[in-house]
Amino acid sequence: MNRRHLLTQLASAAALPALGLRAASDPSPAPVRHSVCRGPFSKIPMDEFCEACKGMGIGSIELLEPTDFPSLQRHGLDCALVRFTSKELPGPHIVAGWNQPELHPILLRGYEKLIRQTADAGFQRVICFSGSRNGMDEATGIENCSAGLSQLMPLCEKLGVTLIMELLNSKVNHPDYMADHSAFGIALREKIGSPHFSLLYDIYHMQIMEGDIIATIREHHAHFGHYHTAGVPGRHEIDDSQELNYPAIVRAIQATGYTGWIGQEFSPTAKDKLASLRQAIQICTPSA
């Protein structure tokens, strides 16, 4: 199925309420809320990393599990995206995802528990993944993902938690991943029809798959509940060694009225990883 046709046929005409947006009457851009993914900095002890992040103006460390919540709470930090794992799945959640109905019982049990743990800790967002295609067509994938995720929406709405599906590239990093373009995610969000399901627009991944980053953000920002950064190519620093203009991208995000988090997910090449992170925060704090 053509991707443009997929979006046209499966997206409803009425837009869902947008998450994390300022009132249209407020013309001033919201300050950037900085977050960082733990993975690329996992060799730095957690308490040391928390203190370093606070010193840079970072308010969240993300893609953590409930066992990490006490460390965040000690340091007064948020977790912009909580990570789901399960030993019951036949593989990583990126591969074994919501497009596979036979996995729904495992995923539903695990996510129900994690949603409650997330809410109990005072956090609000949990990441999720479509899974690999394995020959499945996109319309079936959307139906399957919706059938599973929709069952969690009443609990999410009750507890104030939002599930965020990440859009990943299937060209370089995640071969065969199904939610590898924004049209798929938008069509799925429209089908689920709840503001407690949204998309993680990963700028690195979507530059590889479809480009048009700023135009896509301007047109479809209401569907994006979180953003990730990294340099293209390589997924390293977001400085002038790569092709993306992150100050312009962040200004475009701010212009939409977005008030959520922007998460750094690049893998630093510099010996001083914290210096690379500090530079990234400066790059993503554009002057007016």
Protein backbone atom coordinates (compact mmCIF):
# COMPACT_ATOMS: atom_id res chain seq x y z
CA MET A 1 0.00 0.00 0.00
CA ASN A 2 1.33 3.47 -0.93
CA ARG A 3 2.29 5.39 2.21
CA ARG A 4 0.46 8.55 1.17
CA HIS A 5 -2.65 6.47 0.49
CA LEU A 6 -2.22 4.75 3.85
CA LEU A 7 -2.34 8.06 5.66
CA THR A 8 -5.25 9.31 3.59
CA GLN A 9 -7.34 6.17 4.01
CA LEU A 10 -6.66 5.36 7.64
CA ALA A 11 -6.38 8.80 9.23
CA SER A 12 -9.72 10.29 10.20
CA ALA A 13 -10.55 13.83 9.19
CA ALA A 14 -10.84 15.09 12.75
CA ALA A 15 -7.54 15.80 14.49
CA LEU A 16 -7.01 14.43 17.97
CA PRO A 17 -6.27 16.82 20.82
CA ALA A 18 -2.58 17.71 20.79
CA LEU A 19 -0.50 16.94 23.86
CA GLY A 20 1.99 19.34 25.38
CA LEU A 21 1.02 22.45 23.42
CA ARG A 22 0.73 26.03 24.62
CA ALA A 23 -2.44 28.03 24.20
CA ALA A 24 -2.69 29.59 20.75
CA SER A 25 -3.13 33.00 22.39
CA ASP A 26 0.40 32.84 23.88
CA PRO A 27 2.86 33.95 21.15
CA SER A 28 6.05 33.44 23.15
CA PRO A 29 7.87 30.10 22.67
CA ALA A 30 8.02 27.84 25.71
CA PRO A 31 11.48 27.22 27.16
CA VAL A 32 13.04 23.97 25.98
CA ARG A 33 12.62 21.15 28.48
CA HIS A 34 15.77 19.09 28.19
CA SER A 35 15.92 15.33 28.68
CA VAL A 36 18.59 12.73 27.97
CA CYS A 37 18.53 8.99 27.34
CA ARG A 38 20.51 6.99 29.84
CA GLY A 39 21.89 4.39 27.40
CA PRO A 40 24.70 6.37 25.73
CA PHE A 41 25.91 7.52 29.16
CA SER A 42 25.36 4.28 31.08
CA LYS A 43 29.02 3.96 32.07
CA ILE A 44 28.73 7.07 34.22
CA PRO A 45 27.47 6.13 37.72
CA MET A 46 23.80 7.02 38.10
CA ASP A 47 24.13 9.49 40.97
CA GLU A 48 27.05 11.23 39.28
CA PHE A 49 25.08 11.42 36.04
CA CYS A 50 22.03 12.84 37.80
CA GLU A 51 24.08 15.61 39.37
CA ALA A 52 25.80 16.41 36.07
CA CYS A 53 22.44 16.60 34.29
CA LYS A 54 21.00 18.96 36.87
CA GLY A 55 24.03 21.20 36.47
CA MET A 56 23.35 21.46 32.73
CA GLY A 57 19.68 22.31 33.15
CA ILE A 58 18.49 18.84 32.17
CA GLY A 59 15.27 17.96 33.99
CA SER A 60 14.78 14.35 32.92
CA ILE A 61 16.71 11.14 32.36
CA GLU A 62 14.68 8.77 30.21
CA LEU A 63 14.38 5.18 29.05
CA LEU A 64 14.76 3.96 32.61
CA GLU A 65 12.93 1.19 34.44
CA PRO A 66 11.11 1.38 37.79
CA THR A 67 14.22 0.14 39.62
CA ASP A 68 15.84 3.46 38.63
CA PHE A 69 13.00 5.64 39.90
CA PRO A 70 14.41 6.10 43.44
CA SER A 71 17.63 7.59 42.04
CA LEU A 72 15.70 10.08 39.95
CA GLN A 73 13.48 11.02 42.85
CA ARG A 74 16.45 11.60 45.15
CA HIS A 75 17.79 14.12 42.68
CA GLY A 76 14.45 15.72 41.84
CA LEU A 77 14.51 14.57 38.22
CA ASP A 78 11.71 13.40 35.95
CA CYS A 79 11.65 10.40 33.62
CA ALA A 80 10.23 11.69 30.35
CA LEU A 81 9.91 8.16 28.94
CA VAL A 82 9.78 4.97 30.98
CA ARG A 83 11.23 1.85 29.35
CA PHE A 84 9.35 -1.45 29.03
CA THR A 85 11.14 -4.80 29.18
CA SER A 86 9.86 -8.35 29.53
CA LYS A 87 11.67 -11.66 29.79
CA GLU A 88 8.51 -13.33 28.49
CA LEU A 89 8.86 -11.82 25.03
CA PRO A 90 10.69 -13.87 22.38
CA GLY A 91 13.00 -10.94 21.63
CA PRO A 92 13.53 -7.22 22.28
CA HIS A 93 10.31 -5.19 22.33
CA ILE A 94 11.44 -3.29 19.21
CA VAL A 95 11.20 -6.61 17.34
CA ALA A 96 8.45 -8.31 19.38
CA GLY A 97 5.87 -5.55 19.43
CA TRP A 98 2.22 -4.62 19.32
CA ASN A 99 1.70 -5.64 15.69
CA GLN A 100 1.86 -9.30 16.77
CA PRO A 101 -1.49 -10.33 18.33
CA GLU A 102 -0.06 -13.51 19.82
CA LEU A 103 2.10 -11.31 22.07
CA HIS A 104 -0.76 -9.13 23.30
CA PRO A 105 -1.41 -11.15 26.50
CA ILE A 106 2.24 -10.74 27.55
CA LEU A 107 2.34 -7.08 26.56
CA LEU A 108 -0.95 -6.23 28.23
CA ARG A 109 0.10 -7.79 31.53
CA GLY A 110 3.46 -6.08 31.46
CA TYR A 111 2.20 -2.68 30.40
CA GLU A 112 -0.66 -2.63 32.90
CA LYS A 113 1.88 -3.13 35.68
CA LEU A 114 4.30 -0.58 34.25
CA ILE A 115 1.61 2.06 33.73
CA ARG A 116 0.65 1.78 37.40
CA GLN A 117 4.30 1.95 38.51
CA THR A 118 4.85 4.99 36.30
CA ALA A 119 1.84 6.81 37.70
CA ASP A 120 2.73 5.90 41.28
CA ALA A 121 6.16 7.49 40.78
CA GLY A 122 4.61 10.67 39.41
CA PHE A 123 5.81 10.14 35.83
CA GLN A 124 3.60 10.36 32.77
CA ARG A 125 4.94 8.62 29.66
CA VAL A 126 5.86 5.07 28.67
CA ILE A 127 7.52 4.09 25.40
CA CYS A 128 6.20 1.35 23.12
CA PHE A 129 7.11 -0.19 19.76
CA SER A 130 5.29 -1.59 16.75
CA GLY A 131 7.53 -4.62 16.25
CA SER A 132 9.01 -6.03 13.04
CA ARG A 133 7.01 -6.47 9.85
CA ASN A 134 7.83 -10.13 9.18
CA GLY A 135 5.98 -9.82 5.87
CA MET A 136 2.92 -8.13 7.41
CA ASP A 137 1.22 -5.37 5.42
CA GLU A 138 0.82 -1.98 7.06
CA ALA A 139 -2.98 -1.97 7.24
CA THR A 140 -2.88 -5.24 9.20
CA GLY A 141 -0.10 -3.87 11.38
CA ILE A 142 -2.18 -0.82 12.26
CA GLU A 143 -5.22 -2.99 13.03
CA ASN A 144 -3.15 -5.27 15.27
CA CYS A 145 -1.38 -2.45 17.12
CA SER A 146 -4.67 -0.66 17.67
CA ALA A 147 -6.40 -3.81 18.93
CA GLY A 148 -3.78 -4.24 21.64
CA LEU A 149 -2.99 -0.66 22.61
CA SER A 150 -6.64 0.41 22.72
CA GLN A 151 -7.20 -1.99 25.61
CA LEU A 152 -4.76 0.06 27.70
CA MET A 153 -6.32 3.45 27.00
CA PRO A 154 -8.90 3.37 29.83
CA LEU A 155 -6.14 2.70 32.38
CA CYS A 156 -3.91 5.36 30.84
CA GLU A 157 -6.73 7.88 30.91
CA LYS A 158 -7.56 7.04 34.51
CA LEU A 159 -3.96 7.37 35.72
CA GLY A 160 -2.81 10.19 33.46
CA VAL A 161 -0.19 8.16 31.59
CA THR A 162 0.48 8.39 27.84
CA LEU A 163 1.92 5.61 25.69
CA ILE A 164 4.42 6.91 23.14
CA MET A 165 5.29 4.80 20.09
CA GLU A 166 8.73 5.47 18.64
CA LEU A 167 9.24 5.96 14.92
CA LEU A 168 12.53 4.23 13.98
CA ASN A 169 14.47 3.85 10.75
CA SER A 170 14.51 0.45 9.07
CA LYS A 171 17.26 1.45 6.65
CA VAL A 172 20.29 1.57 8.97
CA ASN A 173 19.58 0.62 12.59
CA HIS A 174 16.40 -1.45 12.82
CA PRO A 175 15.83 -3.55 9.68
CA ASP A 176 12.19 -4.59 9.14
CA TYR A 177 10.78 -2.31 11.88
CA MET A 178 7.19 -1.51 10.98
CA ALA A 179 6.63 2.02 12.37
CA ASP A 180 9.42 3.40 10.21
CA HIS A 181 7.64 6.45 8.81
CA SER A 182 5.41 9.15 10.22
CA ALA A 183 2.35 8.22 8.11
CA PHE A 184 2.12 4.83 9.82
CA GLY A 185 2.24 6.37 13.29
CA ILE A 186 -0.24 9.12 12.47
CA ALA A 187 -2.71 6.63 11.00
CA LEU A 188 -2.37 4.45 14.10
CA ARG A 189 -2.89 7.40 16.42
CA GLU A 190 -6.02 8.44 14.55
CA LYS A 191 -7.36 4.88 14.72
CA ILE A 192 -6.77 4.53 18.48
CA GLY A 193 -8.42 7.91 18.97
CA SER A 194 -7.11 8.74 22.44
CA PRO A 195 -4.89 11.65 23.50
CA HIS A 196 -3.16 9.13 25.76
CA PHE A 197 -1.48 7.55 22.76
CA SER A 198 1.07 9.64 20.88
CA LEU A 199 4.26 9.39 18.83
CA LEU A 200 7.96 9.81 19.48
CA TYR A 201 9.28 11.70 16.47
CA ASP A 202 12.93 10.70 16.47
CA ILE A 203 14.62 13.31 14.31
CA TYR A 204 17.64 11.13 13.55
CA HIS A 205 15.55 8.16 12.43
CA MET A 206 13.07 10.20 10.38
CA GLN A 207 15.81 12.15 8.62
CA ILE A 208 17.14 8.81 7.37
CA MET A 209 13.71 7.52 6.32
CA GLU A 210 11.90 10.55 4.91
CA GLY A 211 13.69 13.87 5.49
CA ASP A 212 11.58 17.06 5.46
CA ILE A 213 12.02 17.34 9.22
CA ILE A 214 10.85 20.91 9.77
CA ALA A 215 7.98 20.64 7.27
CA THR A 216 6.79 17.42 8.93
CA ILE A 217 6.94 18.98 12.39
CA ARG A 218 4.96 22.01 11.22
CA GLU A 219 2.29 19.89 9.53
CA HIS A 220 1.94 17.00 11.97
CA HIS A 221 3.19 18.28 15.34
CA ALA A 222 -0.16 17.59 17.01
CA HIS A 223 0.64 13.87 16.74
CA PHE A 224 4.11 14.13 18.28
CA GLY A 225 4.31 13.80 22.06
CA HIS A 226 8.10 13.55 22.33
CA TYR A 227 11.24 14.24 20.30
CA HIS A 228 14.70 12.63 20.16
CA THR A 229 17.92 13.99 18.70
CA ALA A 230 21.13 12.57 17.21
CA GLY A 231 23.47 13.51 14.39
CA VAL A 232 23.02 12.21 10.84
CA PRO A 233 24.90 10.23 9.69
CA GLY A 234 26.34 8.16 12.51
CA ARG A 235 23.98 8.91 15.42
CA HIS A 236 26.71 10.87 17.16
CA GLU A 237 27.07 14.51 18.30
CA ILE A 238 24.60 17.05 16.93
CA ASP A 239 27.26 19.66 16.15
CA ASP A 240 28.41 20.86 12.71
CA SER A 241 30.03 17.49 11.96
CA GLN A 242 26.63 16.25 10.76
CA GLU A 243 23.91 17.42 8.37
CA LEU A 244 21.00 18.52 10.56
CA ASN A 245 20.48 22.12 11.69
CA TYR A 246 19.31 21.48 15.23
CA PRO A 247 18.87 25.12 16.33
CA ALA A 248 16.46 25.63 13.42
CA ILE A 249 14.67 22.35 14.18
CA VAL A 250 14.23 23.24 17.85
CA ARG A 251 12.91 26.68 16.92
CA ALA A 252 10.39 24.98 14.62
CA ILE A 253 9.32 22.71 17.48
CA GLN A 254 8.95 25.70 19.80
CA ALA A 255 6.91 27.56 17.18
CA THR A 256 4.27 24.81 17.31
CA GLY A 257 3.64 25.63 20.98
CA TYR A 258 5.19 22.38 22.18
CA THR A 259 5.84 22.27 25.93
CA GLY A 260 7.06 18.68 26.28
CA TRP A 261 10.54 17.21 26.45
CA ILE A 262 13.30 17.06 23.84
CA GLY A 263 15.53 14.07 24.57
CA GLN A 264 19.19 13.72 23.58
CA GLU A 265 19.91 10.21 22.29
CA PHE A 266 23.20 10.60 20.45
CA SER A 267 26.20 8.35 21.12
CA PRO A 268 29.11 10.66 21.96
CA THR A 269 32.42 10.06 20.23
CA ALA A 270 34.39 12.47 22.42
CA LYS A 271 36.32 11.15 25.39
CA ASP A 272 34.52 13.64 27.63
CA LYS A 273 30.96 12.44 27.13
CA LEU A 274 29.50 15.03 29.49
CA ALA A 275 31.14 17.82 27.50
CA SER A 276 29.40 16.48 24.38
CA LEU A 277 26.10 16.43 26.25
CA ARG A 278 26.62 19.97 27.52
CA GLN A 279 27.30 21.15 23.98
CA ALA A 280 24.13 19.42 22.73
CA ILE A 281 22.04 21.18 25.36
CA GLN A 282 23.50 24.52 24.27
CA ILE A 283 22.76 23.73 20.62
CA CYS A 284 19.16 22.85 21.52
CA THR A 285 18.67 26.06 23.48
CA PRO A 286 18.50 28.48 20.54
CA SER A 287 18.47 32.20 21.19
CA ALA A 288 15.45 34.15 20.07
